[in-house]
Every structure is written in structure tokens, then in C-alpha cells.
C-alpha atoms as a PDB file:
ATOM      1  CA  UNK A   1      -0.038  -0.063   0.013  1.00  0.00           C
ATOM      2  CA  UNK A   2       1.442   3.397  -0.846  1.00  0.00           C
ATOM      3  CA  UNK A   3       2.274   5.869   1.595  1.00  0.00           C
ATOM      4  CA  UNK A   4      -0.353   8.393   0.508  1.00  0.00           C
ATOM      5  CA  UNK A   5      -3.079   5.883   0.707  1.00  0.00           C
ATOM      6  CA  UNK A   6      -1.928   4.944   4.247  1.00  0.00           C
ATOM      7  CA  UNK A   7      -1.860   8.513   5.289  1.00  0.00           C
ATOM      8  CA  UNK A   8      -5.332   8.912   3.773  1.00  0.00           C
ATOM      9  CA  UNK A   9      -6.729   6.113   5.793  1.00  0.00           C
ATOM     10  CA  UNK A  10      -5.138   7.359   9.034  1.00  0.00           C
ATOM     11  CA  UNK A  11      -6.264  10.923   8.848  1.00  0.00           C
ATOM     12  CA  UNK A  12      -9.774   9.759   7.811  1.00  0.00           C
ATOM     13  CA  UNK A  13      -9.984   7.389  10.678  1.00  0.00           C
ATOM     14  CA  UNK A  14      -8.711   9.800  13.129  1.00  0.00           C
ATOM     15  CA  UNK A  15     -10.934  12.639  12.147  1.00  0.00           C
ATOM     16  CA  UNK A  16     -14.004  10.561  12.151  1.00  0.00           C
ATOM     17  CA  UNK A  17     -13.375   8.781  15.346  1.00  0.00           C
ATOM     18  CA  UNK A  18     -12.416  12.124  17.038  1.00  0.00           C
ATOM     19  CA  UNK A  19     -13.833  15.097  15.243  1.00  0.00           C
ATOM     20  CA  UNK A  20     -12.470  18.364  16.038  1.00  0.00           C
ATOM     21  CA  UNK A  21     -14.530  21.323  16.587  1.00  0.00           C
ATOM     22  CA  UNK A  22     -17.910  19.313  16.814  1.00  0.00           C
ATOM     23  CA  UNK A  23     -20.575  21.305  18.563  1.00  0.00           C
ATOM     24  CA  UNK A  24     -23.117  24.245  18.286  1.00  0.00           C
ATOM     25  CA  UNK A  25     -22.093  27.867  18.062  1.00  0.00           C
ATOM     26  CA  UNK A  26     -24.522  31.067  18.756  1.00  0.00           C
ATOM     27  CA  UNK A  27     -24.402  34.525  18.892  1.00  0.00           C
ATOM     28  CA  UNK A  28     -25.010  37.921  16.938  1.00  0.00           C
ATOM     29  CA  UNK A  29     -22.263  37.250  14.321  1.00  0.00           C
ATOM     30  CA  UNK A  30     -23.000  33.194  14.078  1.00  0.00           C
ATOM     31  CA  UNK A  31     -24.364  32.032  10.816  1.00  0.00           C
ATOM     32  CA  UNK A  32     -25.443  28.478  10.336  1.00  0.00           C
ATOM     33  CA  UNK A  33     -26.861  26.126   7.509  1.00  0.00           C
ATOM     34  CA  UNK A  34     -28.059  22.588   7.496  1.00  0.00           C
ATOM     35  CA  UNK A  35     -27.026  19.932   4.780  1.00  0.00           C
ATOM     36  CA  UNK A  36     -28.107  16.516   3.871  1.00  0.00           C
ATOM     37  CA  UNK A  37     -26.761  13.856   1.601  1.00  0.00           C
ATOM     38  CA  UNK A  38     -29.912  11.429   1.023  1.00  0.00           C
ATOM     39  CA  UNK A  39     -27.686   8.967  -0.802  1.00  0.00           C
ATOM     40  CA  UNK A  40     -25.390   8.232   2.290  1.00  0.00           C
ATOM     41  CA  UNK A  41     -27.695   9.596   4.984  1.00  0.00           C
ATOM     42  CA  UNK A  42     -25.185  12.183   6.313  1.00  0.00           C
ATOM     43  CA  UNK A  43     -26.608  15.242   7.936  1.00  0.00           C
ATOM     44  CA  UNK A  44     -24.543  18.211   8.937  1.00  0.00           C
ATOM     45  CA  UNK A  45     -25.231  21.677  10.408  1.00  0.00           C
ATOM     46  CA  UNK A  46     -22.255  24.079  10.010  1.00  0.00           C
ATOM     47  CA  UNK A  47     -21.954  27.037  12.328  1.00  0.00           C
ATOM     48  CA  UNK A  48     -19.708  29.850  11.346  1.00  0.00           C
ATOM     49  CA  UNK A  49     -18.811  33.146  13.364  1.00  0.00           C
ATOM     50  CA  UNK A  50     -17.733  35.702  11.052  1.00  0.00           C
ATOM     51  CA  UNK A  51     -16.547  38.963  12.220  1.00  0.00           C
ATOM     52  CA  UNK A  52     -15.034  41.964  10.107  1.00  0.00           C
ATOM     53  CA  UNK A  53     -15.001  39.354   7.113  1.00  0.00           C
ATOM     54  CA  UNK A  54     -12.867  36.845   9.011  1.00  0.00           C
ATOM     55  CA  UNK A  55     -13.868  33.291  10.250  1.00  0.00           C
ATOM     56  CA  UNK A  56     -13.425  33.509  13.870  1.00  0.00           C
ATOM     57  CA  UNK A  57     -14.747  30.092  14.801  1.00  0.00           C
ATOM     58  CA  UNK A  58     -16.179  27.316  12.834  1.00  0.00           C
ATOM     59  CA  UNK A  59     -17.823  24.281  14.193  1.00  0.00           C
ATOM     60  CA  UNK A  60     -20.260  21.416  12.915  1.00  0.00           C
ATOM     61  CA  UNK A  61     -22.628  18.869  14.362  1.00  0.00           C
ATOM     62  CA  UNK A  62     -24.387  16.076  12.789  1.00  0.00           C
ATOM     63  CA  UNK A  63     -24.250  12.506  11.893  1.00  0.00           C
ATOM     64  CA  UNK A  64     -22.437  10.956   8.948  1.00  0.00           C
ATOM     65  CA  UNK A  65     -20.088   8.376   7.377  1.00  0.00           C
ATOM     66  CA  UNK A  66     -16.426   8.434   8.248  1.00  0.00           C
ATOM     67  CA  UNK A  67     -15.633  10.572   5.074  1.00  0.00           C
ATOM     68  CA  UNK A  68     -18.233  13.132   5.681  1.00  0.00           C
ATOM     69  CA  UNK A  69     -17.176  13.490   9.420  1.00  0.00           C
ATOM     70  CA  UNK A  70     -13.526  13.743   8.620  1.00  0.00           C
ATOM     71  CA  UNK A  71     -13.990  16.229   5.949  1.00  0.00           C
ATOM     72  CA  UNK A  72     -16.071  18.667   8.262  1.00  0.00           C
ATOM     73  CA  UNK A  73     -13.489  18.123  10.932  1.00  0.00           C
ATOM     74  CA  UNK A  74     -10.556  18.843   8.767  1.00  0.00           C
ATOM     75  CA  UNK A  75     -12.466  21.854   7.111  1.00  0.00           C
ATOM     76  CA  UNK A  76     -13.150  23.562  10.617  1.00  0.00           C
ATOM     77  CA  UNK A  77      -9.375  23.358  11.387  1.00  0.00           C
ATOM     78  CA  UNK A  78      -8.367  24.568   7.978  1.00  0.00           C
ATOM     79  CA  UNK A  79     -10.610  27.603   7.657  1.00  0.00           C
ATOM     80  CA  UNK A  80     -10.638  29.126  11.160  1.00  0.00           C
ATOM     81  CA  UNK A  81      -8.934  32.452  11.081  1.00  0.00           C
ATOM     82  CA  UNK A  82      -9.354  32.717   7.147  1.00  0.00           C
ATOM     83  CA  UNK A  83     -11.050  35.680   5.597  1.00  0.00           C
ATOM     84  CA  UNK A  84     -14.091  35.091   3.545  1.00  0.00           C
ATOM     85  CA  UNK A  85     -12.067  35.637   0.256  1.00  0.00           C
ATOM     86  CA  UNK A  86      -9.541  33.013   1.484  1.00  0.00           C
ATOM     87  CA  UNK A  87     -12.551  30.652   2.415  1.00  0.00           C
ATOM     88  CA  UNK A  88     -13.957  30.889  -1.034  1.00  0.00           C
ATOM     89  CA  UNK A  89     -10.563  30.346  -2.644  1.00  0.00           C
ATOM     90  CA  UNK A  90     -10.116  27.245  -0.733  1.00  0.00           C
ATOM     91  CA  UNK A  91     -13.635  26.007  -1.300  1.00  0.00           C
ATOM     92  CA  UNK A  92     -12.850  26.315  -5.213  1.00  0.00           C
ATOM     93  CA  UNK A  93      -9.472  24.421  -4.666  1.00  0.00           C
ATOM     94  CA  UNK A  94     -11.234  21.841  -2.443  1.00  0.00           C
ATOM     95  CA  UNK A  95     -13.935  21.474  -5.028  1.00  0.00           C
ATOM     96  CA  UNK A  96     -11.563  21.093  -7.853  1.00  0.00           C
ATOM     97  CA  UNK A  97      -9.713  18.545  -6.003  1.00  0.00           C
ATOM     98  CA  UNK A  98     -12.771  16.338  -5.302  1.00  0.00           C
ATOM     99  CA  UNK A  99     -14.259  16.739  -8.875  1.00  0.00           C
ATOM    100  CA  UNK A 100     -11.538  17.078 -11.575  1.00  0.00           C
ATOM    101  CA  UNK A 101      -9.571  14.102 -12.785  1.00  0.00           C
ATOM    102  CA  UNK A 102      -6.578  16.259 -13.656  1.00  0.00           C
ATOM    103  CA  UNK A 103      -6.765  18.178 -10.385  1.00  0.00           C
ATOM    104  CA  UNK A 104      -3.253  18.743  -8.880  1.00  0.00           C
ATOM    105  CA  UNK A 105      -3.121  19.014  -5.253  1.00  0.00           C
ATOM    106  CA  UNK A 106      -2.952  22.663  -3.997  1.00  0.00           C
ATOM    107  CA  UNK A 107      -0.359  23.355  -1.341  1.00  0.00           C
ATOM    108  CA  UNK A 108      -2.801  25.952   0.169  1.00  0.00           C
ATOM    109  CA  UNK A 109      -5.052  23.004   1.006  1.00  0.00           C
ATOM    110  CA  UNK A 110      -2.474  21.491   3.592  1.00  0.00           C
ATOM    111  CA  UNK A 111      -3.875  18.351   5.270  1.00  0.00           C
ATOM    112  CA  UNK A 112      -7.005  18.515   3.216  1.00  0.00           C
ATOM    113  CA  UNK A 113      -5.061  16.935   0.217  1.00  0.00           C
ATOM    114  CA  UNK A 114      -5.331  13.606   1.951  1.00  0.00           C
ATOM    115  CA  UNK A 115      -8.837  13.735   0.894  1.00  0.00           C
ATOM    116  CA  UNK A 116      -7.835  13.700  -2.847  1.00  0.00           C
ATOM    117  CA  UNK A 117      -8.318   9.623  -2.652  1.00  0.00           C
ATOM    118  CA  UNK A 118     -11.962  10.230  -2.305  1.00  0.00           C
ATOM    119  CA  UNK A 119     -11.919  11.205  -6.021  1.00  0.00           C
ATOM    120  CA  UNK A 120     -11.273   7.560  -6.856  1.00  0.00           C
ATOM    121  CA  UNK A 121     -14.861   6.787  -5.579  1.00  0.00           C
ATOM    122  CA  UNK A 122     -17.123   9.049  -7.344  1.00  0.00           C
ATOM    123  CA  UNK A 123     -20.227   8.272  -5.082  1.00  0.00           C
ATOM    124  CA  UNK A 124     -18.119   9.287  -1.981  1.00  0.00           C
ATOM    125  CA  UNK A 125     -17.373  12.628  -3.419  1.00  0.00           C
ATOM    126  CA  UNK A 126     -20.846  14.074  -2.235  1.00  0.00           C
ATOM    127  CA  UNK A 127     -19.802  12.904   1.376  1.00  0.00           C
ATOM    128  CA  UNK A 128     -16.636  14.776   1.336  1.00  0.00           C
ATOM    129  CA  UNK A 129     -18.085  18.081  -0.107  1.00  0.00           C
ATOM    130  CA  UNK A 130     -21.273  17.987   2.006  1.00  0.00           C
ATOM    131  CA  UNK A 131     -19.753  20.204   4.868  1.00  0.00           C
ATOM    132  CA  UNK A 132     -17.992  22.546   2.358  1.00  0.00           C
ATOM    133  CA  UNK A 133     -21.273  23.248   0.260  1.00  0.00           C
ATOM    134  CA  UNK A 134     -23.097  23.792   3.885  1.00  0.00           C
ATOM    135  CA  UNK A 135     -20.372  26.000   5.014  1.00  0.00           C
ATOM    136  CA  UNK A 136     -20.890  28.226   1.780  1.00  0.00           C
ATOM    137  CA  UNK A 137     -24.425  28.462   2.290  1.00  0.00           C
ATOM    138  CA  UNK A 138     -23.891  29.727   5.662  1.00  0.00           C
ATOM    139  CA  UNK A 139     -21.597  32.348   4.636  1.00  0.00           C
ATOM    140  CA  UNK A 140     -23.560  33.395   1.609  1.00  0.00           C
ATOM    141  CA  UNK A 141     -27.029  33.452   3.253  1.00  0.00           C
ATOM    142  CA  UNK A 142     -26.328  34.197   6.925  1.00  0.00           C
ATOM    143  CA  UNK A 143     -29.063  33.121   9.157  1.00  0.00           C
ATOM    144  CA  UNK A 144     -31.480  32.654   6.391  1.00  0.00           C
ATOM    145  CA  UNK A 145     -29.542  29.740   4.764  1.00  0.00           C
ATOM    146  CA  UNK A 146     -31.697  27.355   2.662  1.00  0.00           C
ATOM    147  CA  UNK A 147     -30.960  23.711   3.509  1.00  0.00           C
ATOM    148  CA  UNK A 148     -28.278  22.143   1.306  1.00  0.00           C
ATOM    149  CA  UNK A 149     -28.757  18.938  -0.361  1.00  0.00           C
ATOM    150  CA  UNK A 150     -26.322  16.690  -2.642  1.00  0.00           C
ATOM    151  CA  UNK A 151     -29.081  15.761  -4.893  1.00  0.00           C
END
């Protein structure tokens, strides 16, 4: 087994068994959105505290498969402290990493690059991107975000 595949499995298992930043946020500057992947049964709520155009805090809650949970956990670690512009850029890079056959791993994604292995299993891409699309809805719509679905 290649070193990259071993790292992929190790990181996915670690973040799915012990997700970081799980829980709810509230407050005046907190935005949230709900997401659902009916194919896999994943359900996620993403909470994001944005102040002065910067993600001050980012958490998630819900139930999902190992890939969905790990992706949400990794996302919360990677995006805390980033500006909304940086978050959008990382969303675009992550989405390309998940959906493009010729995508090259972007240095800016850091640990998120281990999720590139999901691309080999097209049905699982929706699991990995659910939290990201849900975060985008929360940022774009604020407290009035429409539910996100992968269908």
C-alpha cells in the first residue's frame, strides 16, 4: 500500500473517530446552515462566526459516514482564522480536488490534500463535499440559509 493511501486512511479514521470542533455556536455574528446527503444519510449543520470578514470560529454537528465527518472536521481546522475571500478560494480548490480528474493537489489545502483519494470513489465525493457546500450556504445567506442537499 502506498504511503499516501496509508496517510489517507490514517487521517480519515482519526478525524472520523475524534472529530475536531464538533458542537453548536450561537451569538450575533454566528451563521448556520443545514446539509443533507440522502444517498449516504449524512446530515450536517455548520456554524460559522464571521466578524469583520474573518472566520473567528467554525464548528459542525450532525451524523455521517467516516468521510463526511472527517471532511467536516478537517475543514473546521483549515478555515478558522481565514478571511471570507480565502475561504472561497479554498472552497474552489477543494471542490476542484474532489471533482476534477486532472486536479493537482494545491499546497494551500495542506492536510486537506489527503482527501484527494475520495476522488477515486465518485459516489463518496458528495460525502466529502457536503460540509463545504453547507459552509458556503451559511456564509452566503447568513441566518436565512436554505438547506443544502447533494441531490
